[in-house]
Structures are given as C-alpha cells and as structure tokens.
Amino acid sequence: MRAHTKPFRFWNNQTPGKDPVPCQIYGPLYYVGSRQFCAYALDTQDGLLLFDTMDKPSERLLARNVQKLGFSIKNVRWIFNTHYHFDHVGGNAMVMDRSHATMFIHKKELKRLDIGLGPGRFSKKHRVRPLRGSEILECGPIRVRVVFTPGQSMGSCCFFTEIDGPQGKKRVLVMGDASGFKSNKREMRLYGYHGTDKDYMKTIRKMKQFVFDLVLPGHAHQISLETRRDGSPWITRKEWLSFLNHRLAEMKSFVAEYPDFNQLIHS
C-alpha cells in the first residue's frame, strides 16, 4: 500500500482542480475521497472500514482510490455514514454490492435513505445496522465510538477512534458535517426538520467538549478555509473552538433573518 512522504493536508476545494491522489493520513488511516467530498478508509487488519462514500457519480473514483492504495472494495467490512445526505451515502450501494459490507447509520436516517442514495438504490439485500448514537464497535484492534450529533440532519453522528502511527497512538474524530447548520432557505427546505435549531445548539455544546488529536471533516473547506490555512487536520483546541463559534454565529444569523424558518420545513 502507498504511504505518503509529507504530512497530509486538506485543500481549498472551492478552487477548480484535479481530484487529490489517495494517500495516507496517519498510520492505517487513508484519504480516498474527491476534491469536493471527503471519504476515509481505515485498515483494521480484519477488513477495511469506510467513513462516508461521497455522492453516486463519485463511486468509481472511490473504488479506484481504494485500489490505488493496495486495497479492494471487496474487502470493505463496514461503512460508517455520518448522515444520509447524497454527498455522504451516494457510493454505499456500489460498495455493498461488491463487498457485502454492513452499513451503519443512525436509526432516524433510515426513512430518508432514498433521498441520499436515490430511489431504488437501497434494497433488503443490503446489510444495515441502525445506530442509537452511543455504541462502541470493534473490528480487529480498532474500536469506533459513536456520538449522536443531530442538527445537520436528524440522525447525524460523529465517530471517534484511536489509531497507532509513527508518533504513537492518536485520537481521531470523523465529524462529517455535524458542525454545520443549513443556513439558507433552499437547503432548509430540502433537509431541514422541526427542531433542527434546538438539536444544533445542543450538538455545538457537545462538540466543544470533544477531545481529539486530528479531525476529519465531511468537506475539505471546513479545515482549509475555516480552521487553519495550511489545511492540517492536527488542529489545536483554540482553533477548534473558534471554528465552532464561527459556525454557531452563521446559524444565529440565519435564524435572526428568518425567525419563521420552520415554515419552510416539510414534516
């Protein structure tokens, strides 16, 4: 498998360019996503774990990226989805068809999978394990802890794990888009739900207590544009709190501008 020769960095994904080359982030953890959408692979020595699978048009890229690192989609054991949105679950069906992997997603997201995966792309043959948001799951030497963080969606989850590498064991947070609030009318109509603002406030308070060494977002700009310009996922606590406070301010601004925003939401 291919190791990198320099520290992993995220990039400004709003700048047009080629998709990044799949590469090692730290130890058995790898980047297998595109420029626009993030996806991560973790080698457990007892199967491969994927965290999110981008959108459907990116499924071939995902398979190629995994292969370029010396792995195979056939060896994916589990898929962890941070939430049901199309740019996070779009490749699930392809991966499950080729590998018979089990998909993990919060139980509140199950009724919305047709929105994310597309009608008919989710079937009874696919193995799905609904999450409550408090599990600890073990695959080989790897343990994954699930934390329920609704707001971006009603069943959004973050995942914590600990991996070994050149500088010893490090704590990893896969946060997806949990820090984000749909702060525009179009996205609120598409993805909002009643109570999203209250859930989001609770989630931000919870996320401010998170302890980790490196953080992996759902989109590169959450690091490269919003947290630190060098794109390093090894952010400090000060940088983390500043990022969350900025996100919270965006939410409050939207709610102040549209105090009746819940009228946009279809139950």
Protein backbone atom coordinates (compact mmCIF):
# COMPACT_ATOMS: atom_id res chain seq x y z
CA MET A 1 0.00 0.00 0.00
CA ARG A 2 1.09 3.54 -0.78
CA ALA A 3 2.42 5.75 2.03
CA HIS A 4 2.88 9.48 1.72
CA THR A 5 6.20 11.25 2.14
CA LYS A 6 4.88 14.51 3.58
CA PRO A 7 2.19 15.41 6.13
CA PHE A 8 -1.37 15.14 4.90
CA ARG A 9 -3.13 18.44 4.18
CA PHE A 10 -6.64 19.41 3.14
CA TRP A 11 -7.06 21.96 0.35
CA ASN A 12 -9.36 24.72 -0.78
CA ASN A 13 -11.99 22.66 -2.58
CA GLN A 14 -13.63 25.80 -3.96
CA THR A 15 -10.64 26.20 -6.29
CA PRO A 16 -11.07 24.16 -9.51
CA GLY A 17 -8.54 21.41 -9.95
CA LYS A 18 -7.94 17.70 -10.21
CA ASP A 19 -9.06 15.33 -7.51
CA PRO A 20 -6.35 14.61 -4.94
CA VAL A 21 -4.30 11.45 -5.10
CA PRO A 22 -5.45 8.94 -2.45
CA CYS A 23 -2.92 8.88 0.34
CA GLN A 24 -2.09 8.03 3.92
CA ILE A 25 -3.25 10.43 6.61
CA TYR A 26 -1.73 8.72 9.63
CA GLY A 27 -0.93 5.09 10.37
CA PRO A 28 -3.66 2.82 8.92
CA LEU A 29 -5.90 5.80 8.05
CA TYR A 30 -6.21 6.96 4.41
CA TYR A 31 -7.91 9.62 2.32
CA VAL A 32 -9.98 8.10 -0.53
CA GLY A 33 -12.29 11.00 -1.36
CA SER A 34 -12.52 13.65 -4.06
CA ARG A 35 -11.69 17.35 -4.03
CA GLN A 36 -15.29 18.22 -3.18
CA PHE A 37 -16.43 15.34 -0.97
CA CYS A 38 -14.41 13.58 1.74
CA ALA A 39 -14.21 9.84 2.36
CA TYR A 40 -11.81 7.93 4.58
CA ALA A 41 -10.59 4.33 4.78
CA LEU A 42 -9.23 2.64 7.89
CA ASP A 43 -7.33 -0.65 7.64
CA THR A 44 -8.21 -2.79 10.67
CA GLN A 45 -6.23 -5.89 9.57
CA ASP A 46 -9.63 -7.61 9.79
CA GLY A 47 -11.28 -5.74 6.92
CA LEU A 48 -11.50 -2.18 5.69
CA LEU A 49 -13.72 0.48 7.27
CA LEU A 50 -15.06 3.36 5.19
CA PHE A 51 -16.31 6.62 6.65
CA ASP A 52 -18.80 8.10 4.15
CA THR A 53 -18.81 7.28 0.43
CA MET A 54 -19.34 10.65 -1.33
CA ASP A 55 -22.06 11.02 -4.00
CA LYS A 56 -23.16 8.48 -6.60
CA PRO A 57 -21.13 9.96 -9.52
CA SER A 58 -18.00 9.53 -7.37
CA GLU A 59 -18.44 5.81 -6.73
CA ARG A 60 -15.97 4.78 -9.46
CA LEU A 61 -13.42 7.23 -8.10
CA LEU A 62 -13.89 5.75 -4.64
CA ALA A 63 -13.24 2.22 -5.92
CA ARG A 64 -10.15 3.36 -7.85
CA ASN A 65 -8.78 5.26 -4.88
CA VAL A 66 -9.12 2.25 -2.61
CA GLN A 67 -7.42 0.07 -5.23
CA LYS A 68 -4.56 2.54 -5.74
CA LEU A 69 -3.71 2.20 -2.06
CA GLY A 70 -3.37 -1.57 -2.43
CA PHE A 71 -6.78 -2.47 -1.01
CA SER A 72 -10.01 -3.66 -2.61
CA ILE A 73 -13.63 -2.62 -2.30
CA LYS A 74 -14.35 -6.34 -1.88
CA ASN A 75 -12.58 -6.21 1.48
CA VAL A 76 -14.71 -3.41 2.95
CA ARG A 77 -16.32 -4.77 6.08
CA TRP A 78 -18.20 -1.78 7.46
CA ILE A 79 -19.40 1.59 6.16
CA PHE A 80 -19.95 4.33 8.73
CA ASN A 81 -22.19 7.12 7.48
CA THR A 82 -22.14 10.42 9.32
CA HIS A 83 -25.60 11.28 7.88
CA TYR A 84 -27.92 10.45 4.99
CA HIS A 85 -27.22 13.38 2.61
CA PHE A 86 -26.46 12.46 -1.02
CA ASP A 87 -22.80 13.54 -0.83
CA HIS A 88 -22.09 11.15 2.05
CA VAL A 89 -24.01 7.95 1.20
CA GLY A 90 -24.03 8.01 -2.60
CA GLY A 91 -21.46 5.24 -3.02
CA ASN A 92 -22.93 2.92 -0.40
CA ALA A 93 -24.90 0.70 -2.76
CA MET A 94 -21.88 0.10 -5.01
CA VAL A 95 -19.67 -0.78 -2.05
CA MET A 96 -22.27 -3.09 -0.51
CA ASP A 97 -22.94 -4.80 -3.84
CA ARG A 98 -19.24 -5.56 -4.32
CA SER A 99 -18.26 -6.38 -0.78
CA HIS A 100 -21.38 -7.38 1.18
CA ALA A 101 -20.34 -4.78 3.73
CA THR A 102 -22.60 -3.69 6.57
CA MET A 103 -23.74 -0.09 6.58
CA PHE A 104 -24.00 1.81 9.89
CA ILE A 105 -26.25 4.87 10.09
CA HIS A 106 -28.44 6.37 12.78
CA LYS A 107 -31.94 4.87 13.01
CA LYS A 108 -33.55 8.28 12.40
CA GLU A 109 -31.96 8.41 8.93
CA LEU A 110 -33.40 5.15 7.62
CA LYS A 111 -36.63 6.64 6.26
CA ARG A 112 -34.64 9.24 4.31
CA LEU A 113 -32.16 6.93 2.61
CA ASP A 114 -33.99 7.16 -0.72
CA ILE A 115 -33.20 10.88 -0.69
CA GLY A 116 -29.49 10.25 -0.21
CA LEU A 117 -28.96 7.00 -2.10
CA GLY A 118 -31.55 7.65 -4.78
CA PRO A 119 -34.85 5.77 -5.28
CA GLY A 120 -34.39 2.05 -5.63
CA ARG A 121 -30.69 2.02 -4.76
CA PHE A 122 -31.31 0.68 -1.28
CA SER A 123 -32.72 -2.83 -1.02
CA LYS A 124 -33.38 -5.53 1.55
CA LYS A 125 -30.27 -7.41 0.41
CA HIS A 126 -28.11 -4.63 1.78
CA ARG A 127 -26.98 -5.11 5.35
CA VAL A 128 -27.89 -2.14 7.52
CA ARG A 129 -27.26 -1.73 11.22
CA PRO A 130 -29.17 1.21 12.73
CA LEU A 131 -27.28 3.20 15.33
CA ARG A 132 -28.59 4.78 18.52
CA GLY A 133 -25.59 7.08 18.76
CA SER A 134 -23.82 5.68 21.81
CA GLU A 135 -22.29 2.42 20.59
CA ILE A 136 -18.70 1.21 20.77
CA LEU A 137 -17.94 -1.15 17.88
CA GLU A 138 -14.85 -3.32 17.46
CA CYS A 139 -13.25 -4.54 14.26
CA GLY A 140 -9.91 -6.26 14.77
CA PRO A 141 -7.81 -3.97 17.01
CA ILE A 142 -9.88 -0.91 16.06
CA ARG A 143 -12.65 0.47 18.26
CA VAL A 144 -15.14 3.02 16.92
CA ARG A 145 -17.22 5.09 19.32
CA VAL A 146 -20.43 6.64 18.02
CA VAL A 147 -21.68 10.03 19.26
CA PHE A 148 -25.15 11.32 18.33
CA THR A 149 -24.84 14.90 16.98
CA PRO A 150 -28.14 15.93 15.31
CA GLY A 151 -28.71 19.29 13.66
CA GLN A 152 -27.14 18.94 10.23
CA SER A 153 -29.66 16.12 9.94
CA MET A 154 -31.94 14.45 12.46
CA GLY A 155 -29.61 11.46 12.80
CA SER A 156 -26.17 12.95 12.25
CA CYS A 157 -23.36 11.13 14.09
CA CYS A 158 -19.67 11.63 14.75
CA PHE A 159 -17.20 8.78 15.09
CA PHE A 160 -14.17 8.53 17.37
CA THR A 161 -11.37 6.03 17.04
CA GLU A 162 -7.75 5.65 18.13
CA ILE A 163 -5.01 4.58 15.76
CA ASP A 164 -1.30 3.83 16.03
CA GLY A 165 1.29 5.54 13.85
CA PRO A 166 4.83 6.97 13.75
CA GLN A 167 4.13 9.34 16.65
CA GLY A 168 2.26 6.78 18.72
CA LYS A 169 -1.45 6.42 19.35
CA LYS A 170 -3.64 9.32 18.27
CA ARG A 171 -7.32 10.09 18.78
CA VAL A 172 -9.29 10.66 15.58
CA LEU A 173 -12.62 12.46 15.19
CA VAL A 174 -14.62 11.86 11.99
CA MET A 175 -17.16 14.66 12.20
CA GLY A 176 -18.80 14.71 8.78
CA ASP A 177 -20.90 17.89 8.65
CA ALA A 178 -22.06 17.81 12.27
CA SER A 179 -20.76 21.33 12.89
CA GLY A 180 -22.95 22.77 10.13
CA PHE A 181 -26.45 24.24 10.08
CA LYS A 182 -28.40 24.60 6.81
CA SER A 183 -28.19 28.39 6.81
CA ASN A 184 -30.07 29.10 3.59
CA LYS A 185 -33.71 28.69 2.58
CA ARG A 186 -33.12 26.22 -0.25
CA GLU A 187 -31.19 23.73 1.86
CA MET A 188 -33.55 24.18 4.78
CA ARG A 189 -36.47 23.21 2.54
CA LEU A 190 -34.60 20.14 1.32
CA TYR A 191 -33.00 18.90 4.51
CA GLY A 192 -34.46 20.76 7.48
CA TYR A 193 -36.72 19.23 10.11
CA HIS A 194 -38.67 20.65 13.00
CA GLY A 195 -36.36 21.05 15.98
CA THR A 196 -33.18 21.29 13.91
CA ASP A 197 -32.19 24.58 15.60
CA LYS A 198 -32.55 23.18 19.12
CA ASP A 199 -30.70 19.99 18.18
CA TYR A 200 -27.92 22.02 16.61
CA MET A 201 -27.40 24.16 19.71
CA LYS A 202 -27.09 21.03 21.85
CA THR A 203 -24.67 19.48 19.37
CA ILE A 204 -22.38 22.52 19.31
CA ARG A 205 -22.22 22.46 23.12
CA LYS A 206 -21.38 18.77 22.97
CA MET A 207 -18.75 19.22 20.26
CA LYS A 208 -16.99 21.90 22.29
CA GLN A 209 -16.20 19.17 24.82
CA PHE A 210 -14.70 16.77 22.25
CA VAL A 211 -11.08 15.74 22.83
CA PHE A 212 -9.04 14.52 19.86
CA ASP A 213 -5.70 14.83 18.06
CA LEU A 214 -6.85 15.14 14.47
CA VAL A 215 -10.23 15.88 12.92
CA LEU A 216 -11.63 14.63 9.62
CA PRO A 217 -14.45 16.73 8.11
CA GLY A 218 -17.09 15.97 5.51
CA HIS A 219 -15.67 18.66 3.20
CA ALA A 220 -12.11 19.95 2.97
CA HIS A 221 -13.05 23.62 3.33
CA GLN A 222 -14.08 23.01 6.94
CA ILE A 223 -10.36 22.77 7.67
CA SER A 224 -8.55 24.61 4.87
CA LEU A 225 -10.78 27.69 4.75
CA GLU A 226 -12.42 27.79 8.15
CA THR A 227 -9.95 26.39 10.66
CA ARG A 228 -6.33 26.75 9.52
CA ARG A 229 -4.92 27.88 6.19
CA ASP A 230 -2.28 25.16 5.91
CA GLY A 231 -5.06 22.54 5.82
CA SER A 232 -3.60 20.40 8.61
CA PRO A 233 -6.13 18.17 10.39
CA TRP A 234 -3.98 18.41 13.54
CA ILE A 235 -5.81 21.42 14.91
CA THR A 236 -5.50 22.97 18.36
CA ARG A 237 -8.29 23.36 20.87
CA LYS A 238 -8.27 27.12 20.31
CA GLU A 239 -8.71 26.59 16.56
CA TRP A 240 -11.48 24.07 17.19
CA LEU A 241 -13.47 26.40 19.42
CA SER A 242 -13.02 29.30 17.01
CA PHE A 243 -14.33 27.12 14.17
CA LEU A 244 -17.39 26.03 16.15
CA ASN A 245 -18.15 29.58 17.29
CA HIS A 246 -17.99 30.77 13.68
CA ARG A 247 -20.41 28.04 12.62
CA LEU A 248 -22.74 28.89 15.51
CA ALA A 249 -22.72 32.57 14.52
CA GLU A 250 -23.81 31.61 10.99
CA MET A 251 -26.75 29.69 12.43
CA LYS A 252 -27.81 32.56 14.68
CA SER A 253 -27.60 34.99 11.76
CA PHE A 254 -29.89 32.79 9.65
CA VAL A 255 -32.43 32.36 12.45
CA ALA A 256 -32.42 36.13 13.08
CA GLU A 257 -33.08 36.79 9.39
CA TYR A 258 -35.74 34.07 9.08
CA PRO A 259 -37.38 33.73 12.54
CA ASP A 260 -40.21 31.70 10.98
CA PHE A 261 -37.84 29.36 9.13
CA ASN A 262 -39.71 26.31 10.45
CA GLN A 263 -42.48 27.19 8.00
CA LEU A 264 -40.06 26.23 5.23
CA ILE A 265 -39.78 22.69 6.53
CA HIS A 266 -41.98 19.85 5.41
CA SER A 267 -42.66 17.36 8.20
